[in-house]
Amino acid sequence: MSVSEARIPFSLDNILAALESSLELEEAINKLPLTQALEKCLAFADTNSDIELSEFVKQELYGYGGQTPSYRHLQLSYFDAGGQIVNGLNQYSSYPIVTGVCKLELHLKNGLTLILPKQILSFLSRVAGREVDTGHVSPDLIKNLLGTIRKETITKLIAIDS
C-alpha cells in the first residue's frame, strides 16, 4: 500500500464524518431554538476551520457591525409619544435589523420592541414634522426574520456539502 492510498480512506472518513455532522447540524437547526442551533453551527464551523461560516454565524448570533444582508431589512412602523402612528415616513420604513439572534429571541419572548438610536428618531421627527418617539417591528416580522435566518444558515450548510 502506497502512502497516497493510505491517505484516501483517512480523508474520505474525515469527509464522511464532517458530512454526517453537517446533516445532524442541519436537523438541529430545524428543531432547536435558533440561538442554540447557531451556537452548534459555530462549534461545527470552528472544528472544521470554516472561517466564512464562522463569521456568518457570529454576525447572526451577536449582531452586525456593518452592512447587513437584504433579508435583515424589515418594515418599521413609527409612533409618537402618545402611541399614535406617524404617517408620511414610508420611504424610511425599511430598516436594517443589526441586532443579533440572541437579542431578537429575547425581544420576541418578552414582548419588547426594538429601540432606534436618538439620531434616527430626531431625523424622522424633522421629516414628519412631528415628534417620532419610537419605531416598532411587529413580533410576526421578528418571527419571520428568525425563520429566514434559520433557512439562510441551512443554505450555508448545504453549500458546504456540495
C-alpha atoms as a PDB file:
ATOM      1  CA  MET A   1       0.000   0.000   0.000  1.00  0.00           C
ATOM      2  CA  SER A   2       1.444   3.337  -1.016  1.00  0.00           C
ATOM      3  CA  VAL A   3       1.368   6.461   1.102  1.00  0.00           C
ATOM      4  CA  SER A   4      -1.257   8.123  -1.117  1.00  0.00           C
ATOM      5  CA  GLU A   5      -3.544   5.078  -0.832  1.00  0.00           C
ATOM      6  CA  ALA A   6      -3.292   5.225   2.963  1.00  0.00           C
ATOM      7  CA  ARG A   7      -4.418   8.858   2.933  1.00  0.00           C
ATOM      8  CA  ILE A   8      -7.534   8.346   0.781  1.00  0.00           C
ATOM      9  CA  PRO A   9      -9.559   6.338   3.328  1.00  0.00           C
ATOM     10  CA  PHE A  10      -8.497   8.717   6.111  1.00  0.00           C
ATOM     11  CA  SER A  11      -9.547  11.768   4.099  1.00  0.00           C
ATOM     12  CA  LEU A  12     -12.727  10.041   2.989  1.00  0.00           C
ATOM     13  CA  ASP A  13     -13.531   9.159   6.604  1.00  0.00           C
ATOM     14  CA  ASN A  14     -12.996  12.764   7.605  1.00  0.00           C
ATOM     15  CA  ILE A  15     -15.230  13.972   4.787  1.00  0.00           C
ATOM     16  CA  LEU A  16     -17.959  11.477   5.687  1.00  0.00           C
ATOM     17  CA  ALA A  17     -17.714  12.392   9.365  1.00  0.00           C
ATOM     18  CA  ALA A  18     -17.984  16.096   8.510  1.00  0.00           C
ATOM     19  CA  LEU A  19     -20.931  15.368   6.208  1.00  0.00           C
ATOM     20  CA  GLU A  20     -22.674  13.396   8.953  1.00  0.00           C
ATOM     21  CA  SER A  21     -22.012  16.202  11.434  1.00  0.00           C
ATOM     22  CA  SER A  22     -23.365  18.676   8.910  1.00  0.00           C
ATOM     23  CA  LEU A  23     -26.562  16.653   8.417  1.00  0.00           C
ATOM     24  CA  GLU A  24     -27.001  16.318  12.187  1.00  0.00           C
ATOM     25  CA  LEU A  25     -26.394  20.046  12.478  1.00  0.00           C
ATOM     26  CA  GLU A  26     -28.998  20.782   9.800  1.00  0.00           C
ATOM     27  CA  GLU A  27     -31.535  18.714  11.748  1.00  0.00           C
ATOM     28  CA  ALA A  28     -30.596  20.548  14.963  1.00  0.00           C
ATOM     29  CA  ILE A  29     -31.015  23.916  13.244  1.00  0.00           C
ATOM     30  CA  ASN A  30     -34.554  22.937  12.273  1.00  0.00           C
ATOM     31  CA  LYS A  31     -35.523  21.779  15.784  1.00  0.00           C
ATOM     32  CA  LEU A  32     -33.652  23.850  18.364  1.00  0.00           C
ATOM     33  CA  PRO A  33     -34.206  27.483  19.328  1.00  0.00           C
ATOM     34  CA  LEU A  34     -32.183  29.440  16.803  1.00  0.00           C
ATOM     35  CA  THR A  35     -29.623  30.753  19.313  1.00  0.00           C
ATOM     36  CA  GLN A  36     -28.750  27.206  20.388  1.00  0.00           C
ATOM     37  CA  ALA A  37     -28.692  25.974  16.796  1.00  0.00           C
ATOM     38  CA  LEU A  38     -26.342  28.781  15.755  1.00  0.00           C
ATOM     39  CA  GLU A  39     -24.056  28.025  18.709  1.00  0.00           C
ATOM     40  CA  LYS A  40     -23.833  24.401  17.484  1.00  0.00           C
ATOM     41  CA  CYS A  41     -23.201  25.654  13.974  1.00  0.00           C
ATOM     42  CA  LEU A  42     -20.405  27.910  15.248  1.00  0.00           C
ATOM     43  CA  ALA A  43     -18.781  24.962  17.021  1.00  0.00           C
ATOM     44  CA  PHE A  44     -19.040  22.962  13.772  1.00  0.00           C
ATOM     45  CA  ALA A  45     -17.511  25.816  11.758  1.00  0.00           C
ATOM     46  CA  ASP A  46     -14.652  26.229  14.227  1.00  0.00           C
ATOM     47  CA  THR A  47     -13.989  22.463  14.341  1.00  0.00           C
ATOM     48  CA  ASN A  48     -13.855  22.340  10.539  1.00  0.00           C
ATOM     49  CA  SER A  49     -11.895  25.613  10.219  1.00  0.00           C
ATOM     50  CA  ASP A  50     -14.634  27.130   8.069  1.00  0.00           C
ATOM     51  CA  ILE A  51     -13.910  30.825   8.532  1.00  0.00           C
ATOM     52  CA  GLU A  52     -16.692  32.027   6.211  1.00  0.00           C
ATOM     53  CA  LEU A  53     -19.370  30.006   8.035  1.00  0.00           C
ATOM     54  CA  SER A  54     -17.944  31.042  11.393  1.00  0.00           C
ATOM     55  CA  GLU A  55     -18.121  34.756  10.506  1.00  0.00           C
ATOM     56  CA  PHE A  56     -21.658  34.405   9.166  1.00  0.00           C
ATOM     57  CA  VAL A  57     -22.823  32.640  12.335  1.00  0.00           C
ATOM     58  CA  LYS A  58     -21.103  35.127  14.653  1.00  0.00           C
ATOM     59  CA  GLN A  59     -22.785  38.047  12.889  1.00  0.00           C
ATOM     60  CA  GLU A  60     -26.182  36.356  13.037  1.00  0.00           C
ATOM     61  CA  LEU A  61     -25.737  35.425  16.697  1.00  0.00           C
ATOM     62  CA  TYR A  62     -24.277  38.634  18.079  1.00  0.00           C
ATOM     63  CA  GLY A  63     -25.261  41.263  15.536  1.00  0.00           C
ATOM     64  CA  TYR A  64     -23.875  43.089  12.548  1.00  0.00           C
ATOM     65  CA  GLY A  65     -21.422  45.936  12.940  1.00  0.00           C
ATOM     66  CA  GLY A  66     -21.650  46.990   9.317  1.00  0.00           C
ATOM     67  CA  GLN A  67     -23.576  46.082   6.185  1.00  0.00           C
ATOM     68  CA  THR A  68     -26.491  43.711   6.766  1.00  0.00           C
ATOM     69  CA  PRO A  69     -27.849  41.203   4.247  1.00  0.00           C
ATOM     70  CA  SER A  70     -31.024  42.295   2.456  1.00  0.00           C
ATOM     71  CA  TYR A  71     -33.144  39.696   4.284  1.00  0.00           C
ATOM     72  CA  ARG A  72     -32.464  41.607   7.507  1.00  0.00           C
ATOM     73  CA  HIS A  73     -34.280  44.737   6.268  1.00  0.00           C
ATOM     74  CA  LEU A  74     -37.723  44.884   7.900  1.00  0.00           C
ATOM     75  CA  GLN A  75     -40.653  47.265   7.718  1.00  0.00           C
ATOM     76  CA  LEU A  76     -40.902  49.595  10.707  1.00  0.00           C
ATOM     77  CA  SER A  77     -43.938  51.474  11.934  1.00  0.00           C
ATOM     78  CA  TYR A  78     -43.283  54.778  13.690  1.00  0.00           C
ATOM     79  CA  PHE A  79     -45.204  56.136  16.689  1.00  0.00           C
ATOM     80  CA  ASP A  80     -45.352  59.388  18.620  1.00  0.00           C
ATOM     81  CA  ALA A  81     -45.124  59.636  22.429  1.00  0.00           C
ATOM     82  CA  GLY A  82     -48.902  59.090  22.707  1.00  0.00           C
ATOM     83  CA  GLY A  83     -48.746  55.811  20.796  1.00  0.00           C
ATOM     84  CA  GLN A  84     -50.286  57.230  17.614  1.00  0.00           C
ATOM     85  CA  ILE A  85     -48.834  56.073  14.315  1.00  0.00           C
ATOM     86  CA  VAL A  86     -46.789  58.706  12.481  1.00  0.00           C
ATOM     87  CA  ASN A  87     -47.617  58.711   8.778  1.00  0.00           C
ATOM     88  CA  GLY A  88     -45.565  60.086   5.906  1.00  0.00           C
ATOM     89  CA  LEU A  89     -42.406  58.090   6.576  1.00  0.00           C
ATOM     90  CA  ASN A  90     -42.940  55.302   4.049  1.00  0.00           C
ATOM     91  CA  GLN A  91     -39.598  55.908   2.339  1.00  0.00           C
ATOM     92  CA  TYR A  92     -37.897  55.268   5.709  1.00  0.00           C
ATOM     93  CA  SER A  93     -39.890  52.207   6.713  1.00  0.00           C
ATOM     94  CA  SER A  94     -37.320  49.646   5.515  1.00  0.00           C
ATOM     95  CA  TYR A  95     -34.800  49.366   8.316  1.00  0.00           C
ATOM     96  CA  PRO A  96     -31.740  47.103   8.645  1.00  0.00           C
ATOM     97  CA  ILE A  97     -32.007  44.965  11.758  1.00  0.00           C
ATOM     98  CA  VAL A  98     -28.436  44.649  13.035  1.00  0.00           C
ATOM     99  CA  THR A  99     -29.460  43.041  16.335  1.00  0.00           C
ATOM    100  CA  GLY A 100     -28.186  39.503  16.874  1.00  0.00           C
ATOM    101  CA  VAL A 101     -30.425  36.456  17.128  1.00  0.00           C
ATOM    102  CA  CYS A 102     -29.712  36.193  20.864  1.00  0.00           C
ATOM    103  CA  LYS A 103     -31.382  39.564  21.488  1.00  0.00           C
ATOM    104  CA  LEU A 104     -34.074  39.083  18.845  1.00  0.00           C
ATOM    105  CA  GLU A 105     -35.248  35.891  20.525  1.00  0.00           C
ATOM    106  CA  LEU A 106     -35.269  37.658  23.913  1.00  0.00           C
ATOM    107  CA  HIS A 107     -37.239  40.575  22.438  1.00  0.00           C
ATOM    108  CA  LEU A 108     -39.759  38.163  20.991  1.00  0.00           C
ATOM    109  CA  LYS A 109     -40.037  36.127  24.198  1.00  0.00           C
ATOM    110  CA  ASN A 110     -40.509  39.200  26.398  1.00  0.00           C
ATOM    111  CA  GLY A 111     -42.673  41.229  24.008  1.00  0.00           C
ATOM    112  CA  LEU A 112     -40.150  44.042  23.692  1.00  0.00           C
ATOM    113  CA  THR A 113     -39.785  46.444  20.798  1.00  0.00           C
ATOM    114  CA  LEU A 114     -36.530  47.435  19.150  1.00  0.00           C
ATOM    115  CA  ILE A 115     -35.232  50.851  20.161  1.00  0.00           C
ATOM    116  CA  LEU A 116     -33.945  53.151  17.456  1.00  0.00           C
ATOM    117  CA  PRO A 117     -30.987  55.465  18.043  1.00  0.00           C
ATOM    118  CA  LYS A 118     -31.920  59.020  19.049  1.00  0.00           C
ATOM    119  CA  GLN A 119     -30.237  60.473  15.934  1.00  0.00           C
ATOM    120  CA  ILE A 120     -32.588  58.481  13.705  1.00  0.00           C
ATOM    121  CA  LEU A 121     -35.646  59.465  15.750  1.00  0.00           C
ATOM    122  CA  SER A 122     -34.592  63.153  15.541  1.00  0.00           C
ATOM    123  CA  PHE A 123     -34.166  62.904  11.764  1.00  0.00           C
ATOM    124  CA  LEU A 124     -37.542  61.191  11.348  1.00  0.00           C
ATOM    125  CA  SER A 125     -39.194  63.818  13.556  1.00  0.00           C
ATOM    126  CA  ARG A 126     -37.865  66.581  11.300  1.00  0.00           C
ATOM    127  CA  VAL A 127     -39.068  64.757   8.167  1.00  0.00           C
ATOM    128  CA  ALA A 128     -42.525  64.010   9.625  1.00  0.00           C
ATOM    129  CA  GLY A 129     -42.963  67.500  11.086  1.00  0.00           C
ATOM    130  CA  ARG A 130     -43.890  65.974  14.467  1.00  0.00           C
ATOM    131  CA  GLU A 131     -42.150  64.001  17.170  1.00  0.00           C
ATOM    132  CA  VAL A 132     -41.350  60.374  16.411  1.00  0.00           C
ATOM    133  CA  ASP A 133     -40.912  58.619  19.734  1.00  0.00           C
ATOM    134  CA  THR A 134     -40.260  55.052  18.638  1.00  0.00           C
ATOM    135  CA  GLY A 135     -40.068  52.600  15.786  1.00  0.00           C
ATOM    136  CA  HIS A 136     -41.742  49.243  16.072  1.00  0.00           C
ATOM    137  CA  VAL A 137     -41.113  45.903  14.383  1.00  0.00           C
ATOM    138  CA  SER A 138     -44.042  43.569  14.895  1.00  0.00           C
ATOM    139  CA  PRO A 139     -43.487  40.200  16.603  1.00  0.00           C
ATOM    140  CA  ASP A 140     -44.618  38.484  13.386  1.00  0.00           C
ATOM    141  CA  LEU A 141     -41.872  40.240  11.421  1.00  0.00           C
ATOM    142  CA  ILE A 142     -39.291  39.183  14.016  1.00  0.00           C
ATOM    143  CA  LYS A 143     -40.559  35.574  13.828  1.00  0.00           C
ATOM    144  CA  ASN A 144     -40.307  35.730  10.036  1.00  0.00           C
ATOM    145  CA  LEU A 145     -36.783  37.137  10.254  1.00  0.00           C
ATOM    146  CA  LEU A 146     -35.722  34.341  12.621  1.00  0.00           C
ATOM    147  CA  GLY A 147     -37.197  31.815  10.182  1.00  0.00           C
ATOM    148  CA  THR A 148     -35.298  33.414   7.310  1.00  0.00           C
ATOM    149  CA  ILE A 149     -32.041  33.333   9.290  1.00  0.00           C
ATOM    150  CA  ARG A 150     -32.680  29.647  10.007  1.00  0.00           C
ATOM    151  CA  LYS A 151     -33.133  28.987   6.254  1.00  0.00           C
ATOM    152  CA  GLU A 152     -30.043  31.024   5.353  1.00  0.00           C
ATOM    153  CA  THR A 153     -27.992  29.018   7.845  1.00  0.00           C
ATOM    154  CA  ILE A 154     -29.202  25.716   6.387  1.00  0.00           C
ATOM    155  CA  THR A 155     -28.406  27.011   2.885  1.00  0.00           C
ATOM    156  CA  LYS A 156     -24.841  27.782   4.019  1.00  0.00           C
ATOM    157  CA  LEU A 157     -24.519  24.241   5.434  1.00  0.00           C
ATOM    158  CA  ILE A 158     -25.814  22.670   2.232  1.00  0.00           C
ATOM    159  CA  ALA A 159     -23.261  24.712   0.266  1.00  0.00           C
ATOM    160  CA  ILE A 160     -20.502  23.153   2.398  1.00  0.00           C
ATOM    161  CA  ASP A 161     -21.680  19.657   1.474  1.00  0.00           C
ATOM    162  CA  SER A 162     -21.669  20.463  -2.252  1.00  0.00           C
END
